[in-house]
Amino acid sequence: MAKELAPGLWRLDIPLVGNPLKNLNSYLIAGERNLLIDTGFNQPACREAMDRQLGEIGVDLTRTDIFLTHLHSDHAGLSTYLHRPGRA
């Protein structure tokens, strides 16, 4: 479940199935243009959790940029799934 930490700042809980860390905290800064920070593994459970929580918040991915804190697969895995060709 997405949790609003402050106005326009959301924490998304992304499960990391099979990983001892258990979950990843992804963050969304909502505004005229959104910023999604980290994404989770490219696995069905991560995709489902990300899609569900972005839907709860009402995020328009065409107005969303992605920032990866580093390139480990638990932070960057869903970036290609979330990216849409032609977005600036």
PDB file of N, CA and C in Angstrom:
ATOM      1  N   MET A   1       0.840  -1.173   0.000  1.00  0.00           N
ATOM      2  CA  MET A   1       0.000   0.000   0.000  1.00  0.00           C
ATOM      3  C   MET A   1       0.890   1.244   0.000  1.00  0.00           C
ATOM      4  N   ALA A   2       0.567   2.188  -0.869  1.00  0.00           N
ATOM      5  CA  ALA A   2       1.291   3.452  -0.918  1.00  0.00           C
ATOM      6  C   ALA A   2       0.953   4.262   0.328  1.00  0.00           C
ATOM      7  N   LYS A   3       1.966   4.916   0.880  1.00  0.00           N
ATOM      8  CA  LYS A   3       1.754   5.722   2.073  1.00  0.00           C
ATOM      9  C   LYS A   3       2.249   7.141   1.807  1.00  0.00           C
ATOM     10  N   GLU A   4       1.376   8.124   2.040  1.00  0.00           N
ATOM     11  CA  GLU A   4       1.772   9.521   1.862  1.00  0.00           C
ATOM     12  C   GLU A   4       2.514   9.974   3.113  1.00  0.00           C
ATOM     13  N   LEU A   5       3.788  10.303   2.953  1.00  0.00           N
ATOM     14  CA  LEU A   5       4.639  10.714   4.070  1.00  0.00           C
ATOM     15  C   LEU A   5       4.519  12.203   4.362  1.00  0.00           C
ATOM     16  N   ALA A   6       4.271  12.976   3.332  1.00  0.00           N
ATOM     17  CA  ALA A   6       4.075  14.422   3.392  1.00  0.00           C
ATOM     18  C   ALA A   6       3.286  14.772   2.130  1.00  0.00           C
ATOM     19  N   PRO A   7       2.707  15.956   2.053  1.00  0.00           N
ATOM     20  CA  PRO A   7       1.945  16.296   0.851  1.00  0.00           C
ATOM     21  C   PRO A   7       2.783  16.097  -0.420  1.00  0.00           C
ATOM     22  N   GLY A   8       2.324  15.195  -1.294  1.00  0.00           N
ATOM     23  CA  GLY A   8       3.008  14.949  -2.552  1.00  0.00           C
ATOM     24  C   GLY A   8       4.205  14.016  -2.474  1.00  0.00           C
ATOM     25  N   LEU A   9       4.525  13.485  -1.304  1.00  0.00           N
ATOM     26  CA  LEU A   9       5.644  12.550  -1.140  1.00  0.00           C
ATOM     27  C   LEU A   9       5.100  11.207  -0.688  1.00  0.00           C
ATOM     28  N   TRP A  10       5.298  10.189  -1.508  1.00  0.00           N
ATOM     29  CA  TRP A  10       4.741   8.864  -1.263  1.00  0.00           C
ATOM     30  C   TRP A  10       5.834   7.817  -1.140  1.00  0.00           C
ATOM     31  N   ARG A  11       5.610   6.848  -0.266  1.00  0.00           N
ATOM     32  CA  ARG A  11       6.475   5.671  -0.177  1.00  0.00           C
ATOM     33  C   ARG A  11       5.679   4.488  -0.711  1.00  0.00           C
ATOM     34  N   LEU A  12       6.276   3.767  -1.661  1.00  0.00           N
ATOM     35  CA  LEU A  12       5.669   2.583  -2.240  1.00  0.00           C
ATOM     36  C   LEU A  12       6.443   1.383  -1.727  1.00  0.00           C
ATOM     37  N   ASP A  13       5.732   0.390  -1.246  1.00  0.00           N
ATOM     38  CA  ASP A  13       6.331  -0.815  -0.691  1.00  0.00           C
ATOM     39  C   ASP A  13       6.360  -1.884  -1.778  1.00  0.00           C
ATOM     40  N   ILE A  14       7.563  -2.195  -2.265  1.00  0.00           N
ATOM     41  CA  ILE A  14       7.723  -3.155  -3.347  1.00  0.00           C
ATOM     42  C   ILE A  14       8.356  -4.429  -2.790  1.00  0.00           C
ATOM     43  N   PRO A  15       7.663  -5.567  -2.875  1.00  0.00           N
ATOM     44  CA  PRO A  15       8.208  -6.812  -2.313  1.00  0.00           C
ATOM     45  C   PRO A  15       9.405  -7.303  -3.126  1.00  0.00           C
ATOM     46  N   LEU A  16      10.393  -7.832  -2.437  1.00  0.00           N
ATOM     47  CA  LEU A  16      11.560  -8.424  -3.086  1.00  0.00           C
ATOM     48  C   LEU A  16      11.535  -9.924  -2.790  1.00  0.00           C
ATOM     49  N   VAL A  17      10.754 -10.644  -3.569  1.00  0.00           N
ATOM     50  CA  VAL A  17      10.564 -12.076  -3.376  1.00  0.00           C
ATOM     51  C   VAL A  17      11.907 -12.795  -3.532  1.00  0.00           C
ATOM     52  N   GLY A  18      12.221 -13.649  -2.550  1.00  0.00           N
ATOM     53  CA  GLY A  18      13.458 -14.417  -2.596  1.00  0.00           C
ATOM     54  C   GLY A  18      14.697 -13.655  -2.183  1.00  0.00           C
ATOM     55  N   ASN A  19      14.533 -12.432  -1.706  1.00  0.00           N
ATOM     56  CA  ASN A  19      15.661 -11.607  -1.280  1.00  0.00           C
ATOM     57  C   ASN A  19      15.577 -11.421   0.231  1.00  0.00           C
ATOM     58  N   PRO A  20      16.693 -11.555   0.939  1.00  0.00           N
ATOM     59  CA  PRO A  20      16.641 -11.410   2.398  1.00  0.00           C
ATOM     60  C   PRO A  20      16.208 -10.018   2.872  1.00  0.00           C
ATOM     61  N   LEU A  21      16.276  -9.016   2.006  1.00  0.00           N
ATOM     62  CA  LEU A  21      15.838  -7.667   2.396  1.00  0.00           C
ATOM     63  C   LEU A  21      14.315  -7.556   2.489  1.00  0.00           C
ATOM     64  N   LYS A  22      13.601  -8.463   1.845  1.00  0.00           N
ATOM     65  CA  LYS A  22      12.131  -8.559   1.898  1.00  0.00           C
ATOM     66  C   LYS A  22      11.385  -7.515   1.074  1.00  0.00           C
ATOM     67  N   ASN A  23      11.803  -6.245   1.117  1.00  0.00           N
ATOM     68  CA  ASN A  23      11.100  -5.220   0.342  1.00  0.00           C
ATOM     69  C   ASN A  23      12.018  -4.057   0.003  1.00  0.00           C
ATOM     70  N   LEU A  24      11.568  -3.269  -0.958  1.00  0.00           N
ATOM     71  CA  LEU A  24      12.267  -2.054  -1.385  1.00  0.00           C
ATOM     72  C   LEU A  24      11.318  -0.888  -1.153  1.00  0.00           C
ATOM     73  N   ASN A  25      11.820   0.182  -0.615  1.00  0.00           N
ATOM     74  CA  ASN A  25      11.045   1.416  -0.526  1.00  0.00           C
ATOM     75  C   ASN A  25      11.327   2.228  -1.779  1.00  0.00           C
ATOM     76  N   SER A  26      10.316   2.375  -2.600  1.00  0.00           N
ATOM     77  CA  SER A  26      10.369   3.244  -3.766  1.00  0.00           C
ATOM     78  C   SER A  26       9.649   4.523  -3.342  1.00  0.00           C
ATOM     79  N   TYR A  27      10.071   5.647  -3.884  1.00  0.00           N
ATOM     80  CA  TYR A  27       9.456   6.919  -3.497  1.00  0.00           C
ATOM     81  C   TYR A  27       8.930   7.633  -4.724  1.00  0.00           C
ATOM     82  N   LEU A  28       7.828   8.327  -4.550  1.00  0.00           N
ATOM     83  CA  LEU A  28       7.246   9.122  -5.614  1.00  0.00           C
ATOM     84  C   LEU A  28       7.054  10.543  -5.099  1.00  0.00           C
ATOM     85  N   ILE A  29       7.580  11.488  -5.838  1.00  0.00           N
ATOM     86  CA  ILE A  29       7.318  12.903  -5.576  1.00  0.00           C
ATOM     87  C   ILE A  29       6.328  13.336  -6.645  1.00  0.00           C
ATOM     88  N   ALA A  30       5.114  13.621  -6.228  1.00  0.00           N
ATOM     89  CA  ALA A  30       4.034  13.953  -7.153  1.00  0.00           C
ATOM     90  C   ALA A  30       3.963  15.449  -7.376  1.00  0.00           C
ATOM     91  N   GLY A  31       3.686  15.813  -8.605  1.00  0.00           N
ATOM     92  CA  GLY A  31       3.550  17.225  -8.950  1.00  0.00           C
ATOM     93  C   GLY A  31       3.168  17.358 -10.405  1.00  0.00           C
ATOM     94  N   GLU A  32       3.435  18.540 -10.970  1.00  0.00           N
ATOM     95  CA  GLU A  32       3.144  18.752 -12.384  1.00  0.00           C
ATOM     96  C   GLU A  32       3.842  17.680 -13.218  1.00  0.00           C
ATOM     97  N   ARG A  33       5.076  17.383 -12.828  1.00  0.00           N
ATOM     98  CA  ARG A  33       5.825  16.249 -13.351  1.00  0.00           C
ATOM     99  C   ARG A  33       6.241  15.417 -12.160  1.00  0.00           C
ATOM    100  N   ASN A  34       5.968  14.136 -12.187  1.00  0.00           N
ATOM    101  CA  ASN A  34       6.283  13.249 -11.067  1.00  0.00           C
ATOM    102  C   ASN A  34       7.717  12.741 -11.168  1.00  0.00           C
ATOM    103  N   LEU A  35       8.260  12.357 -10.023  1.00  0.00           N
ATOM    104  CA  LEU A  35       9.572  11.722  -9.982  1.00  0.00           C
ATOM    105  C   LEU A  35       9.447  10.435  -9.182  1.00  0.00           C
ATOM    106  N   LEU A  36       9.739   9.304  -9.826  1.00  0.00           N
ATOM    107  CA  LEU A  36       9.720   8.000  -9.181  1.00  0.00           C
ATOM    108  C   LEU A  36      11.168   7.607  -8.893  1.00  0.00           C
ATOM    109  N   ILE A  37      11.456   7.294  -7.640  1.00  0.00           N
ATOM    110  CA  ILE A  37      12.810   6.967  -7.215  1.00  0.00           C
ATOM    111  C   ILE A  37      12.884   5.473  -6.900  1.00  0.00           C
ATOM    112  N   ASP A  38      13.662   4.754  -7.700  1.00  0.00           N
ATOM    113  CA  ASP A  38      13.878   3.304  -7.605  1.00  0.00           C
ATOM    114  C   ASP A  38      12.608   2.531  -7.931  1.00  0.00           C
ATOM    115  N   THR A  39      12.795   1.269  -8.388  1.00  0.00           N
ATOM    116  CA  THR A  39      11.653   0.567  -8.979  1.00  0.00           C
ATOM    117  C   THR A  39      11.408  -0.863  -8.500  1.00  0.00           C
ATOM    118  N   GLY A  40      12.397  -1.572  -8.019  1.00  0.00           N
ATOM    119  CA  GLY A  40      12.228  -2.978  -7.662  1.00  0.00           C
ATOM    120  C   GLY A  40      12.665  -3.904  -8.780  1.00  0.00           C
ATOM    121  N   PHE A  41      12.699  -5.199  -8.485  1.00  0.00           N
ATOM    122  CA  PHE A  41      13.078  -6.216  -9.470  1.00  0.00           C
ATOM    123  C   PHE A  41      12.094  -6.240 -10.639  1.00  0.00           C
ATOM    124  N   ASN A  42      12.544  -6.736 -11.765  1.00  0.00           N
ATOM    125  CA  ASN A  42      11.653  -6.983 -12.899  1.00  0.00           C
ATOM    126  C   ASN A  42      11.051  -8.381 -12.722  1.00  0.00           C
ATOM    127  N   GLN A  43      10.143  -8.499 -11.761  1.00  0.00           N
ATOM    128  CA  GLN A  43       9.453  -9.747 -11.430  1.00  0.00           C
ATOM    129  C   GLN A  43       7.956  -9.458 -11.316  1.00  0.00           C
ATOM    130  N   PRO A  44       7.116 -10.474 -11.541  1.00  0.00           N
ATOM    131  CA  PRO A  44       5.671 -10.252 -11.467  1.00  0.00           C
ATOM    132  C   PRO A  44       5.208  -9.598 -10.159  1.00  0.00           C
ATOM    133  N   ALA A  45       5.696 -10.043  -9.016  1.00  0.00           N
ATOM    134  CA  ALA A  45       5.241  -9.468  -7.741  1.00  0.00           C
ATOM    135  C   ALA A  45       5.593  -7.988  -7.643  1.00  0.00           C
ATOM    136  N   CYS A  46       6.757  -7.613  -8.137  1.00  0.00           N
ATOM    137  CA  CYS A  46       7.172  -6.208  -8.109  1.00  0.00           C
ATOM    138  C   CYS A  46       6.316  -5.381  -9.069  1.00  0.00           C
ATOM    139  N   ARG A  47       6.103  -5.904 -10.284  1.00  0.00           N
ATOM    140  CA  ARG A  47       5.280  -5.188 -11.267  1.00  0.00           C
ATOM    141  C   ARG A  47       3.865  -4.982 -10.736  1.00  0.00           C
ATOM    142  N   GLU A  48       3.288  -6.044 -10.162  1.00  0.00           N
ATOM    143  CA  GLU A  48       1.917  -5.940  -9.638  1.00  0.00           C
ATOM    144  C   GLU A  48       1.833  -4.915  -8.505  1.00  0.00           C
ATOM    145  N   ALA A  49       2.791  -4.937  -7.591  1.00  0.00           N
ATOM    146  CA  ALA A  49       2.783  -3.980  -6.470  1.00  0.00           C
ATOM    147  C   ALA A  49       2.969  -2.552  -6.979  1.00  0.00           C
ATOM    148  N   MET A  50       3.891  -2.363  -7.924  1.00  0.00           N
ATOM    149  CA  MET A  50       4.137  -1.025  -8.470  1.00  0.00           C
ATOM    150  C   MET A  50       2.892  -0.521  -9.200  1.00  0.00           C
ATOM    151  N   ASP A  51       2.328  -1.339 -10.079  1.00  0.00           N
ATOM    152  CA  ASP A  51       1.130  -0.926 -10.822  1.00  0.00           C
ATOM    153  C   ASP A  51      -0.021  -0.594  -9.881  1.00  0.00           C
ATOM    154  N   ARG A  52      -0.248  -1.435  -8.883  1.00  0.00           N
ATOM    155  CA  ARG A  52      -1.345  -1.223  -7.937  1.00  0.00           C
ATOM    156  C   ARG A  52      -1.176   0.093  -7.180  1.00  0.00           C
ATOM    157  N   GLN A  53       0.033   0.331  -6.659  1.00  0.00           N
ATOM    158  CA  GLN A  53       0.259   1.530  -5.851  1.00  0.00           C
ATOM    159  C   GLN A  53       0.267   2.807  -6.689  1.00  0.00           C
ATOM    160  N   LEU A  54       0.833   2.754  -7.887  1.00  0.00           N
ATOM    161  CA  LEU A  54       0.774   3.925  -8.760  1.00  0.00           C
ATOM    162  C   LEU A  54      -0.671   4.224  -9.133  1.00  0.00           C
ATOM    163  N   GLY A  55      -1.467   3.153  -9.323  1.00  0.00           N
ATOM    164  CA  GLY A  55      -2.892   3.331  -9.608  1.00  0.00           C
ATOM    165  C   GLY A  55      -3.645   3.944  -8.441  1.00  0.00           C
ATOM    166  N   GLU A  56      -3.313   3.523  -7.214  1.00  0.00           N
ATOM    167  CA  GLU A  56      -3.941   4.097  -6.015  1.00  0.00           C
ATOM    168  C   GLU A  56      -3.719   5.606  -5.949  1.00  0.00           C
ATOM    169  N   ILE A  57      -2.525   6.020  -6.321  1.00  0.00           N
ATOM    170  CA  ILE A  57      -2.168   7.441  -6.254  1.00  0.00           C
ATOM    171  C   ILE A  57      -2.706   8.196  -7.468  1.00  0.00           C
ATOM    172  N   GLY A  58      -2.934   7.484  -8.571  1.00  0.00           N
ATOM    173  CA  GLY A  58      -3.418   8.115  -9.796  1.00  0.00           C
ATOM    174  C   GLY A  58      -2.288   8.687 -10.638  1.00  0.00           C
ATOM    175  N   VAL A  59      -1.161   8.001 -10.670  1.00  0.00           N
ATOM    176  CA  VAL A  59       0.014   8.489 -11.382  1.00  0.00           C
ATOM    177  C   VAL A  59      -0.137   8.298 -12.889  1.00  0.00           C
ATOM    178  N   ASP A  60       0.167   9.333 -13.634  1.00  0.00           N
ATOM    179  CA  ASP A  60       0.220   9.300 -15.090  1.00  0.00           C
ATOM    180  C   ASP A  60       1.685   9.081 -15.473  1.00  0.00           C
ATOM    181  N   LEU A  61       2.010   7.889 -15.963  1.00  0.00           N
ATOM    182  CA  LEU A  61       3.404   7.585 -16.287  1.00  0.00           C
ATOM    183  C   LEU A  61       3.957   8.441 -17.423  1.00  0.00           C
ATOM    184  N   THR A  62       3.098   9.016 -18.244  1.00  0.00           N
ATOM    185  CA  THR A  62       3.600   9.887 -19.312  1.00  0.00           C
ATOM    186  C   THR A  62       4.122  11.206 -18.743  1.00  0.00           C
ATOM    187  N   ARG A  63       3.802  11.487 -17.485  1.00  0.00           N
ATOM    188  CA  ARG A  63       4.288  12.698 -16.808  1.00  0.00           C
ATOM    189  C   ARG A  63       5.224  12.333 -15.658  1.00  0.00           C
ATOM    190  N   THR A  64       5.890  11.187 -15.762  1.00  0.00           N
ATOM    191  CA  THR A  64       6.709  10.689 -14.660  1.00  0.00           C
ATOM    192  C   THR A  64       8.123  10.379 -15.134  1.00  0.00           C
ATOM    193  N   ASP A  65       9.098  10.941 -14.439  1.00  0.00           N
ATOM    194  CA  ASP A  65      10.502  10.628 -14.682  1.00  0.00           C
ATOM    195  C   ASP A  65      10.941   9.602 -13.648  1.00  0.00           C
ATOM    196  N   ILE A  66      11.977   8.843 -13.995  1.00  0.00           N
ATOM    197  CA  ILE A  66      12.490   7.804 -13.103  1.00  0.00           C
ATOM    198  C   ILE A  66      13.925   8.138 -12.734  1.00  0.00           C
ATOM    199  N   PHE A  67      14.217   8.102 -11.442  1.00  0.00           N
ATOM    200  CA  PHE A  67      15.570   8.322 -10.929  1.00  0.00           C
ATOM    201  C   PHE A  67      16.013   7.040 -10.233  1.00  0.00           C
ATOM    202  N   LEU A  68      17.144   6.494 -10.655  1.00  0.00           N
ATOM    203  CA  LEU A  68      17.688   5.278 -10.045  1.00  0.00           C
ATOM    204  C   LEU A  68      18.869   5.667  -9.171  1.00  0.00           C
ATOM    205  N   THR A  69      18.803   5.306  -7.898  1.00  0.00           N
ATOM    206  CA  THR A  69      19.877   5.678  -6.977  1.00  0.00           C
ATOM    207  C   THR A  69      21.164   4.928  -7.290  1.00  0.00           C
ATOM    208  N   HIS A  70      21.019   3.712  -7.823  1.00  0.00           N
ATOM    209  CA  HIS A  70      22.164   2.933  -8.295  1.00  0.00           C
ATOM    210  C   HIS A  70      21.626   1.788  -9.151  1.00  0.00           C
ATOM    211  N   LEU A  71      22.515   1.052  -9.789  1.00  0.00           N
ATOM    212  CA  LEU A  71      22.079   0.108 -10.813  1.00  0.00           C
ATOM    213  C   LEU A  71      21.944  -1.342 -10.364  1.00  0.00           C
ATOM    214  N   HIS A  72      21.768  -1.599  -9.077  1.00  0.00           N
ATOM    215  CA  HIS A  72      21.452  -2.955  -8.644  1.00  0.00           C
ATOM    216  C   HIS A  72      20.046  -3.299  -9.132  1.00  0.00           C
ATOM    217  N   SER A  73      19.827  -4.567  -9.474  1.00  0.00           N
ATOM    218  CA  SER A  73      18.550  -4.958 -10.078  1.00  0.00           C
ATOM    219  C   SER A  73      17.341  -4.731  -9.171  1.00  0.00           C
ATOM    220  N   ASP A  74      17.541  -4.718  -7.853  1.00  0.00           N
ATOM    221  CA  ASP A  74      16.405  -4.449  -6.963  1.00  0.00           C
ATOM    222  C   ASP A  74      15.996  -2.975  -6.999  1.00  0.00           C
ATOM    223  N   HIS A  75      16.850  -2.116  -7.498  1.00  0.00           N
ATOM    224  CA  HIS A  75      16.530  -0.689  -7.606  1.00  0.00           C
ATOM    225  C   HIS A  75      16.178  -0.278  -9.037  1.00  0.00           C
ATOM    226  N   ALA A  76      16.694  -1.003 -10.024  1.00  0.00           N
ATOM    227  CA  ALA A  76      16.555  -0.582 -11.417  1.00  0.00           C
ATOM    228  C   ALA A  76      15.742  -1.530 -12.293  1.00  0.00           C
ATOM    229  N   GLY A  77      15.387  -2.695 -11.790  1.00  0.00           N
ATOM    230  CA  GLY A  77      14.795  -3.740 -12.619  1.00  0.00           C
ATOM    231  C   GLY A  77      13.542  -3.368 -13.381  1.00  0.00           C
ATOM    232  N   LEU A  78      12.645  -2.623 -12.776  1.00  0.00           N
ATOM    233  CA  LEU A  78      11.385  -2.268 -13.442  1.00  0.00           C
ATOM    234  C   LEU A  78      11.477  -1.013 -14.304  1.00  0.00           C
ATOM    235  N   SER A  79      12.628  -0.392 -14.374  1.00  0.00           N
ATOM    236  CA  SER A  79      12.730   0.884 -15.104  1.00  0.00           C
ATOM    237  C   SER A  79      12.347   0.736 -16.573  1.00  0.00           C
ATOM    238  N   THR A  80      12.751  -0.369 -17.218  1.00  0.00           N
ATOM    239  CA  THR A  80      12.382  -0.545 -18.626  1.00  0.00           C
ATOM    240  C   THR A  80      10.891  -0.846 -18.778  1.00  0.00           C
ATOM    241  N   TYR A  81      10.311  -1.542 -17.821  1.00  0.00           N
ATOM    242  CA  TYR A  81       8.871  -1.813 -17.848  1.00  0.00           C
ATOM    243  C   TYR A  81       8.069  -0.510 -17.706  1.00  0.00           C
ATOM    244  N   LEU A  82       8.525   0.377 -16.853  1.00  0.00           N
ATOM    245  CA  LEU A  82       7.796   1.618 -16.576  1.00  0.00           C
ATOM    246  C   LEU A  82       8.035   2.698 -17.632  1.00  0.00           C
ATOM    247  N   HIS A  83       9.155   2.614 -18.319  1.00  0.00           N
ATOM    248  CA  HIS A  83       9.494   3.609 -19.333  1.00  0.00           C
ATOM    249  C   HIS A  83       8.615   3.413 -20.571  1.00  0.00           C
ATOM    250  N   ARG A  84       8.182   4.494 -21.134  1.00  0.00           N
ATOM    251  CA  ARG A  84       7.382   4.433 -22.349  1.00  0.00           C
ATOM    252  C   ARG A  84       8.146   5.132 -23.484  1.00  0.00           C
ATOM    253  N   PRO A  85       8.318   4.474 -24.629  1.00  0.00           N
ATOM    254  CA  PRO A  85       9.035   5.099 -25.751  1.00  0.00           C
ATOM    255  C   PRO A  85       8.416   6.449 -26.129  1.00  0.00           C
ATOM    256  N   GLY A  86       9.266   7.388 -26.479  1.00  0.00           N
ATOM    257  CA  GLY A  86       8.801   8.696 -26.915  1.00  0.00           C
ATOM    258  C   GLY A  86       8.648   9.714 -25.825  1.00  0.00           C
ATOM    259  N   ARG A  87       8.809   9.306 -24.576  1.00  0.00           N
ATOM    260  CA  ARG A  87       8.727  10.280 -23.476  1.00  0.00           C
ATOM    261  C   ARG A  87      10.019  11.043 -23.398  1.00  0.00           C
ATOM    262  N   ALA A  88       9.908  12.312 -23.154  1.00  0.00           N
ATOM    263  CA  ALA A  88      11.111  13.149 -22.994  1.00  0.00           C
ATOM    264  C   ALA A  88      11.629  13.045 -21.588  1.00  0.00           C
TER     265      ALA A  88
END
